[in-house]
Amino acid sequence: MVGCMLVGTFFSFLLGLVNPKVGNKAGPDWMWAGGRNDLVRSLYFRPDGALRRYGLQGLVLTMGLGSAALIWILQRL
């Protein structure tokens, strides 16, 4: 149940990033451990929830390279 909720939250977050009608692209504050002052959140988003200048590109690059690294690690096991 918890896993399904995490997957659903993750995909709604990703869909919110590409939807131009969504103003707060960072999602709800409860999703981040530190709320609006979270260190990772501040790398990609401004305090009002808008993406930083290269926030979307950085987030996509982080997700892509993180997934590739995880696959590479799992293949070595």
Protein backbone atom coordinates (compact mmCIF):
# COMPACT_ATOMS: atom_id res chain seq x y z
CA MET A 1 0.00 0.00 0.00
CA VAL A 2 2.76 2.44 0.94
CA GLY A 3 4.72 1.52 -2.18
CA CYS A 4 1.72 2.21 -4.40
CA MET A 5 1.23 5.60 -2.74
CA LEU A 6 4.90 6.47 -3.31
CA VAL A 7 4.71 5.45 -6.97
CA GLY A 8 1.50 7.46 -7.44
CA THR A 9 2.99 10.53 -5.78
CA PHE A 10 6.13 10.26 -7.91
CA PHE A 11 4.19 10.03 -11.18
CA SER A 12 1.84 12.87 -10.25
CA PHE A 13 4.96 14.94 -9.47
CA LEU A 14 6.41 14.12 -12.90
CA LEU A 15 3.14 14.94 -14.65
CA GLY A 16 2.94 18.23 -12.75
CA LEU A 17 6.39 19.19 -14.06
CA VAL A 18 5.27 19.09 -17.70
CA ASN A 19 1.79 20.60 -17.17
CA PRO A 20 1.98 24.34 -17.96
CA LYS A 21 -1.17 25.09 -15.90
CA VAL A 22 0.47 23.97 -12.63
CA GLY A 23 2.06 26.96 -10.89
CA ASN A 24 3.72 25.18 -7.97
CA LYS A 25 5.86 22.66 -9.81
CA ALA A 26 7.65 21.57 -6.62
CA GLY A 27 4.52 19.81 -5.40
CA PRO A 28 3.21 19.89 -1.85
CA ASP A 29 5.60 20.80 0.96
CA TRP A 30 4.99 17.52 2.80
CA MET A 31 6.67 15.68 -0.09
CA TRP A 32 10.03 17.22 0.87
CA ALA A 33 11.71 16.29 4.15
CA GLY A 34 12.61 19.91 4.98
CA GLY A 35 9.50 21.49 3.49
CA ARG A 36 10.23 24.70 1.59
CA ASN A 37 13.73 24.87 3.09
CA ASP A 38 14.78 21.41 1.88
CA LEU A 39 18.30 21.39 0.39
CA VAL A 40 17.47 19.17 -2.60
CA ARG A 41 14.24 21.10 -3.31
CA SER A 42 16.18 24.37 -3.40
CA LEU A 43 18.54 22.98 -6.05
CA TYR A 44 15.74 22.66 -8.61
CA PHE A 45 12.94 24.96 -7.38
CA ARG A 46 12.54 28.50 -6.05
CA PRO A 47 10.82 29.03 -2.66
CA ASP A 48 7.50 29.74 -4.44
CA GLY A 49 7.63 26.35 -6.19
CA ALA A 50 8.61 27.59 -9.66
CA LEU A 51 11.45 25.84 -11.44
CA ARG A 52 14.84 27.52 -11.44
CA ARG A 53 16.38 28.53 -14.76
CA TYR A 54 17.87 25.10 -15.52
CA GLY A 55 15.83 23.20 -12.94
CA LEU A 56 13.91 20.97 -15.34
CA GLN A 57 17.00 20.03 -17.33
CA GLY A 58 18.91 19.31 -14.13
CA LEU A 59 16.07 17.23 -12.71
CA VAL A 60 15.75 15.16 -15.90
CA LEU A 61 19.52 14.68 -16.03
CA THR A 62 19.61 13.64 -12.37
CA MET A 63 16.77 11.15 -12.84
CA GLY A 64 18.34 9.71 -16.00
CA LEU A 65 21.85 9.36 -14.61
CA GLY A 66 20.55 8.07 -11.28
CA SER A 67 18.51 5.39 -13.04
CA ALA A 68 21.47 4.43 -15.22
CA ALA A 69 23.72 4.19 -12.15
CA LEU A 70 21.16 2.03 -10.34
CA ILE A 71 20.87 -0.32 -13.33
CA TRP A 72 24.67 -0.50 -13.59
CA ILE A 73 24.98 -1.34 -9.87
CA LEU A 74 22.26 -4.01 -10.07
CA GLN A 75 23.94 -5.65 -13.07
CA ARG A 76 27.17 -5.97 -11.07
CA LEU A 77 25.42 -7.88 -8.27
